[in-house]
């Protein structure tokens, strides 16, 4: 089932795209062209920071 287009203006987006900040992760348009995402922290860094904040230490994936 396809939907009929209701606009062809500058703000047109695909019907199946998330709007604003409702999707998980970093939005596609958050970075300038040529920029890369920053490196994710290691499990050790996450655990160390959680302990400093008296937060639960997440279990390692794997």
C-alpha atoms as a PDB file:
ATOM      1  CA  UNK A   1       0.000   0.000   0.000  1.00  0.00           C
ATOM      2  CA  UNK A   2       1.506   3.289  -1.030  1.00  0.00           C
ATOM      3  CA  UNK A   3       0.397   6.645   0.197  1.00  0.00           C
ATOM      4  CA  UNK A   4      -0.373   9.506  -2.087  1.00  0.00           C
ATOM      5  CA  UNK A   5       1.977  12.458  -1.683  1.00  0.00           C
ATOM      6  CA  UNK A   6       0.381  15.361   0.160  1.00  0.00           C
ATOM      7  CA  UNK A   7       3.190  17.872  -0.311  1.00  0.00           C
ATOM      8  CA  UNK A   8       6.094  18.615  -2.581  1.00  0.00           C
ATOM      9  CA  UNK A   9       7.504  21.475  -0.542  1.00  0.00           C
ATOM     10  CA  UNK A  10      10.979  22.049   0.869  1.00  0.00           C
ATOM     11  CA  UNK A  11      10.149  20.177   4.098  1.00  0.00           C
ATOM     12  CA  UNK A  12       9.018  17.027   2.332  1.00  0.00           C
ATOM     13  CA  UNK A  13      10.215  13.797   3.967  1.00  0.00           C
ATOM     14  CA  UNK A  14       9.501  10.188   3.327  1.00  0.00           C
ATOM     15  CA  UNK A  15       6.493   8.832   5.198  1.00  0.00           C
ATOM     16  CA  UNK A  16       8.591   6.129   6.889  1.00  0.00           C
ATOM     17  CA  UNK A  17      11.253   8.521   8.290  1.00  0.00           C
ATOM     18  CA  UNK A  18      11.294   9.471  11.962  1.00  0.00           C
ATOM     19  CA  UNK A  19      10.694  13.084  12.842  1.00  0.00           C
ATOM     20  CA  UNK A  20      12.759  15.353  15.074  1.00  0.00           C
ATOM     21  CA  UNK A  21      14.555  13.448  17.844  1.00  0.00           C
ATOM     22  CA  UNK A  22      12.189  10.508  18.085  1.00  0.00           C
ATOM     23  CA  UNK A  23      14.509   7.887  16.594  1.00  0.00           C
ATOM     24  CA  UNK A  24      17.342   6.106  18.338  1.00  0.00           C
ATOM     25  CA  UNK A  25      20.916   7.072  17.607  1.00  0.00           C
ATOM     26  CA  UNK A  26      22.338  10.180  16.004  1.00  0.00           C
ATOM     27  CA  UNK A  27      20.243  11.828  13.274  1.00  0.00           C
ATOM     28  CA  UNK A  28      21.561  11.558   9.729  1.00  0.00           C
ATOM     29  CA  UNK A  29      21.849  15.328   9.436  1.00  0.00           C
ATOM     30  CA  UNK A  30      23.685  15.856  12.746  1.00  0.00           C
ATOM     31  CA  UNK A  31      27.138  15.867  11.152  1.00  0.00           C
ATOM     32  CA  UNK A  32      28.604  18.099   8.481  1.00  0.00           C
ATOM     33  CA  UNK A  33      29.743  16.448   5.272  1.00  0.00           C
ATOM     34  CA  UNK A  34      33.107  14.771   5.793  1.00  0.00           C
ATOM     35  CA  UNK A  35      32.718  14.466   9.569  1.00  0.00           C
ATOM     36  CA  UNK A  36      32.796  11.103  11.312  1.00  0.00           C
ATOM     37  CA  UNK A  37      31.063   9.980  14.471  1.00  0.00           C
ATOM     38  CA  UNK A  38      33.239  10.147  17.593  1.00  0.00           C
ATOM     39  CA  UNK A  39      34.723   6.904  18.862  1.00  0.00           C
ATOM     40  CA  UNK A  40      32.531   5.112  21.383  1.00  0.00           C
ATOM     41  CA  UNK A  41      33.896   4.743  24.925  1.00  0.00           C
ATOM     42  CA  UNK A  42      35.353   1.383  25.888  1.00  0.00           C
ATOM     43  CA  UNK A  43      33.575  -0.879  28.365  1.00  0.00           C
ATOM     44  CA  UNK A  44      36.244  -0.022  30.937  1.00  0.00           C
ATOM     45  CA  UNK A  45      35.586   3.722  30.537  1.00  0.00           C
ATOM     46  CA  UNK A  46      31.842   3.190  30.893  1.00  0.00           C
ATOM     47  CA  UNK A  47      32.307   1.089  34.047  1.00  0.00           C
ATOM     48  CA  UNK A  48      34.754   3.579  35.567  1.00  0.00           C
ATOM     49  CA  UNK A  49      32.401   6.508  34.932  1.00  0.00           C
ATOM     50  CA  UNK A  50      29.392   4.589  36.268  1.00  0.00           C
ATOM     51  CA  UNK A  51      31.258   3.855  39.502  1.00  0.00           C
ATOM     52  CA  UNK A  52      32.178   7.556  39.885  1.00  0.00           C
ATOM     53  CA  UNK A  53      28.508   8.467  39.489  1.00  0.00           C
ATOM     54  CA  UNK A  54      27.316   5.710  41.868  1.00  0.00           C
ATOM     55  CA  UNK A  55      25.315   4.303  38.949  1.00  0.00           C
ATOM     56  CA  UNK A  56      24.816   0.628  38.138  1.00  0.00           C
ATOM     57  CA  UNK A  57      27.734  -0.761  36.137  1.00  0.00           C
ATOM     58  CA  UNK A  58      26.429  -2.170  32.852  1.00  0.00           C
ATOM     59  CA  UNK A  59      27.327  -5.757  32.040  1.00  0.00           C
ATOM     60  CA  UNK A  60      29.784  -6.261  29.195  1.00  0.00           C
ATOM     61  CA  UNK A  61      28.271  -7.361  25.891  1.00  0.00           C
ATOM     62  CA  UNK A  62      29.371 -10.534  24.277  1.00  0.00           C
END
